């Protein structure tokens, strides 16, 4: 009987982990979408493409971090 209960517990934990992973994926994707829409048009479409503001640079760094990650050691 405890094997069945253990299997049900493991299955429910796996389902919760899957749901959590899906939620995190949607949140990260939303963050990328918001940053992309806020930064890229302003940086590349605006007149005088040469310089960007500090906040645009910081946002771009954050966007790259989200897209690529950092496994630098």
N, C-alpha and C. Protein backbone atom coordinates (compact mmCIF):
# COMPACT_ATOMS: atom_id res chain seq x y z
N UNK A 1 0.83 -1.20 0.00
CA UNK A 1 0.00 0.00 0.00
C UNK A 1 0.86 1.25 0.00
N UNK A 2 1.98 1.24 0.70
CA UNK A 2 2.81 2.43 0.76
C UNK A 2 3.50 2.70 -0.57
N UNK A 3 3.70 1.63 -1.39
CA UNK A 3 4.29 1.83 -2.71
C UNK A 3 3.35 2.62 -3.61
N UNK A 4 2.05 2.34 -3.51
CA UNK A 4 1.06 3.07 -4.31
C UNK A 4 1.00 4.52 -3.85
N UNK A 5 1.01 4.73 -2.54
CA UNK A 5 0.97 6.09 -2.01
C UNK A 5 2.23 6.86 -2.42
N UNK A 6 3.38 6.20 -2.38
CA UNK A 6 4.64 6.83 -2.78
C UNK A 6 4.61 7.19 -4.26
N UNK A 7 4.07 6.30 -5.09
CA UNK A 7 3.97 6.56 -6.52
C UNK A 7 3.05 7.74 -6.80
N UNK A 8 1.93 7.80 -6.08
CA UNK A 8 1.00 8.93 -6.25
C UNK A 8 1.66 10.24 -5.83
N UNK A 9 2.42 10.20 -4.75
CA UNK A 9 3.12 11.40 -4.28
C UNK A 9 4.15 11.84 -5.30
N UNK A 10 4.92 10.91 -5.84
CA UNK A 10 5.92 11.24 -6.86
C UNK A 10 5.27 11.80 -8.11
N UNK A 11 4.13 11.20 -8.50
CA UNK A 11 3.42 11.68 -9.68
C UNK A 11 2.89 13.09 -9.46
N UNK A 12 2.33 13.36 -8.29
CA UNK A 12 1.81 14.70 -8.03
C UNK A 12 2.94 15.72 -7.96
N UNK A 13 4.09 15.33 -7.40
CA UNK A 13 5.23 16.24 -7.39
C UNK A 13 5.72 16.53 -8.81
N UNK A 14 5.71 15.53 -9.67
CA UNK A 14 6.12 15.73 -11.05
C UNK A 14 5.16 16.66 -11.78
N UNK A 15 3.88 16.50 -11.52
CA UNK A 15 2.88 17.37 -12.14
C UNK A 15 3.07 18.81 -11.68
N UNK A 16 3.29 19.00 -10.37
CA UNK A 16 3.52 20.35 -9.85
C UNK A 16 4.80 20.96 -10.42
N UNK A 17 5.84 20.15 -10.58
CA UNK A 17 7.08 20.63 -11.16
C UNK A 17 6.87 21.04 -12.62
N UNK A 18 6.10 20.25 -13.36
CA UNK A 18 5.82 20.59 -14.75
C UNK A 18 5.01 21.88 -14.85
N UNK A 19 4.01 22.02 -14.01
CA UNK A 19 3.21 23.25 -14.01
C UNK A 19 4.08 24.44 -13.64
N UNK A 20 4.94 24.27 -12.65
CA UNK A 20 5.85 25.35 -12.26
C UNK A 20 6.79 25.74 -13.38
N UNK A 21 7.33 24.75 -14.09
CA UNK A 21 8.23 25.03 -15.21
C UNK A 21 7.51 25.78 -16.33
N UNK A 22 6.27 25.40 -16.58
CA UNK A 22 5.49 26.09 -17.61
C UNK A 22 5.23 27.54 -17.20
N UNK A 23 4.89 27.76 -15.95
CA UNK A 23 4.64 29.12 -15.47
C UNK A 23 5.90 29.97 -15.56
N UNK A 24 7.05 29.42 -15.12
CA UNK A 24 8.31 30.16 -15.20
C UNK A 24 8.65 30.48 -16.64
N UNK A 25 8.43 29.54 -17.55
CA UNK A 25 8.70 29.77 -18.97
C UNK A 25 7.86 30.92 -19.51
N UNK A 26 6.59 30.96 -19.15
CA UNK A 26 5.73 32.05 -19.61
C UNK A 26 6.16 33.39 -19.03
N UNK A 27 6.58 33.40 -17.76
CA UNK A 27 7.02 34.65 -17.14
C UNK A 27 8.29 35.16 -17.80
N UNK A 28 9.24 34.27 -18.05
CA UNK A 28 10.49 34.68 -18.72
C UNK A 28 10.20 35.16 -20.13
N UNK A 29 9.33 34.44 -20.84
CA UNK A 29 8.98 34.86 -22.20
C UNK A 29 8.30 36.23 -22.19
N UNK A 30 7.45 36.47 -21.22
CA UNK A 30 6.80 37.77 -21.11
C UNK A 30 7.84 38.87 -20.86
N UNK A 31 8.81 38.58 -19.98
CA UNK A 31 9.86 39.56 -19.71
C UNK A 31 10.68 39.87 -20.95
N UNK A 32 11.02 38.84 -21.71
CA UNK A 32 11.76 39.05 -22.96
C UNK A 32 10.93 39.88 -23.92
N UNK A 33 9.65 39.57 -24.05
CA UNK A 33 8.78 40.32 -24.96
C UNK A 33 8.71 41.80 -24.57
N UNK A 34 8.52 42.05 -23.29
CA UNK A 34 8.41 43.44 -22.83
C UNK A 34 9.72 44.19 -23.07
N UNK A 35 10.84 43.57 -22.71
CA UNK A 35 12.13 44.24 -22.91
C UNK A 35 12.42 44.44 -24.39
N UNK A 36 12.14 43.44 -25.20
CA UNK A 36 12.39 43.56 -26.64
C UNK A 36 11.57 44.70 -27.22
N UNK A 37 10.29 44.74 -26.91
CA UNK A 37 9.42 45.78 -27.46
C UNK A 37 9.77 47.17 -26.93
N UNK A 38 10.33 47.23 -25.73
CA UNK A 38 10.69 48.53 -25.16
C UNK A 38 12.04 49.02 -25.67
N UNK A 39 12.96 48.10 -25.95
CA UNK A 39 14.33 48.51 -26.25
C UNK A 39 14.68 48.51 -27.73
N UNK A 40 14.41 47.45 -28.41
CA UNK A 40 14.92 47.28 -29.77
C UNK A 40 14.39 48.34 -30.74
N UNK A 41 13.10 48.64 -30.76
CA UNK A 41 12.64 49.68 -31.69
C UNK A 41 13.28 51.04 -31.41
N UNK A 42 13.45 51.36 -30.15
CA UNK A 42 14.03 52.65 -29.79
C UNK A 42 15.50 52.69 -30.21
N UNK A 43 16.21 51.60 -30.02
CA UNK A 43 17.64 51.58 -30.32
C UNK A 43 17.89 51.60 -31.82
N UNK A 44 17.19 50.77 -32.58
CA UNK A 44 17.53 50.59 -33.99
C UNK A 44 16.70 51.41 -34.97
N UNK A 45 15.55 51.90 -34.57
CA UNK A 45 14.68 52.63 -35.50
C UNK A 45 14.83 54.13 -35.34
N UNK A 46 15.26 54.57 -34.19
CA UNK A 46 15.34 56.01 -33.94
C UNK A 46 16.39 56.65 -34.83
N UNK A 47 16.24 57.93 -35.07
CA UNK A 47 17.22 58.68 -35.86
C UNK A 47 18.49 58.85 -35.03
N UNK A 48 19.63 58.85 -35.68
CA UNK A 48 20.90 58.97 -34.97
C UNK A 48 21.18 57.73 -34.14
N UNK A 49 21.34 56.61 -34.79
CA UNK A 49 21.47 55.32 -34.12
C UNK A 49 22.72 55.24 -33.24
N UNK A 50 23.66 56.15 -33.36
CA UNK A 50 24.96 56.06 -32.73
C UNK A 50 25.00 55.84 -31.24
N UNK A 51 24.16 56.47 -30.46
CA UNK A 51 24.28 56.34 -29.01
C UNK A 51 22.97 55.92 -28.38
N UNK A 52 23.09 55.22 -27.25
CA UNK A 52 21.92 54.82 -26.49
C UNK A 52 22.12 55.32 -25.06
N UNK A 53 21.04 55.37 -24.32
CA UNK A 53 21.12 55.84 -22.94
C UNK A 53 21.60 54.71 -22.02
N UNK A 54 21.96 55.08 -20.81
CA UNK A 54 22.39 54.10 -19.82
C UNK A 54 21.30 53.07 -19.58
N UNK A 55 20.07 53.51 -19.45
CA UNK A 55 18.97 52.59 -19.15
C UNK A 55 18.71 51.65 -20.31
N UNK A 56 18.87 52.13 -21.54
CA UNK A 56 18.73 51.25 -22.70
C UNK A 56 19.84 50.21 -22.72
N UNK A 57 21.05 50.62 -22.37
CA UNK A 57 22.17 49.68 -22.32
C UNK A 57 21.95 48.64 -21.22
N UNK A 58 21.50 49.08 -20.06
CA UNK A 58 21.23 48.17 -18.97
C UNK A 58 20.12 47.18 -19.34
N UNK A 59 19.09 47.69 -19.96
CA UNK A 59 18.00 46.82 -20.40
C UNK A 59 18.45 45.84 -21.46
N UNK A 60 19.32 46.28 -22.36
CA UNK A 60 19.85 45.38 -23.38
C UNK A 60 20.70 44.29 -22.74
N UNK A 61 21.51 44.64 -21.76
CA UNK A 61 22.31 43.64 -21.03
C UNK A 61 21.41 42.63 -20.35
N UNK A 62 20.35 43.10 -19.74
CA UNK A 62 19.41 42.20 -19.07
C UNK A 62 18.72 41.30 -20.09
N UNK A 63 18.35 41.86 -21.24
CA UNK A 63 17.71 41.08 -22.30
C UNK A 63 18.65 39.98 -22.80
N UNK A 64 19.91 40.32 -23.02
CA UNK A 64 20.88 39.32 -23.46
C UNK A 64 21.05 38.25 -22.40
N UNK A 65 21.08 38.66 -21.16
CA UNK A 65 21.20 37.69 -20.05
C UNK A 65 20.03 36.73 -20.06
N UNK A 66 18.81 37.22 -20.31
CA UNK A 66 17.66 36.35 -20.38
C UNK A 66 17.72 35.42 -21.59
N UNK A 67 18.15 35.94 -22.71
CA UNK A 67 18.16 35.15 -23.94
C UNK A 67 19.29 34.12 -23.95
N UNK A 68 20.45 34.49 -23.49
CA UNK A 68 21.62 33.63 -23.60
C UNK A 68 21.99 32.99 -22.27
N UNK A 69 21.83 33.71 -21.20
CA UNK A 69 22.26 33.22 -19.89
C UNK A 69 23.73 33.50 -19.69
N UNK A 70 24.25 33.15 -18.52
CA UNK A 70 25.66 33.35 -18.31
C UNK A 70 26.24 32.13 -17.63
N UNK A 71 26.99 31.38 -18.38
CA UNK A 71 27.70 30.23 -17.85
C UNK A 71 29.19 30.50 -17.83
N UNK A 72 29.54 31.77 -17.67
CA UNK A 72 30.94 32.17 -17.64
C UNK A 72 31.50 31.83 -16.27
N UNK A 73 32.65 31.16 -16.28
CA UNK A 73 33.26 30.78 -14.99
C UNK A 73 34.65 31.28 -14.89
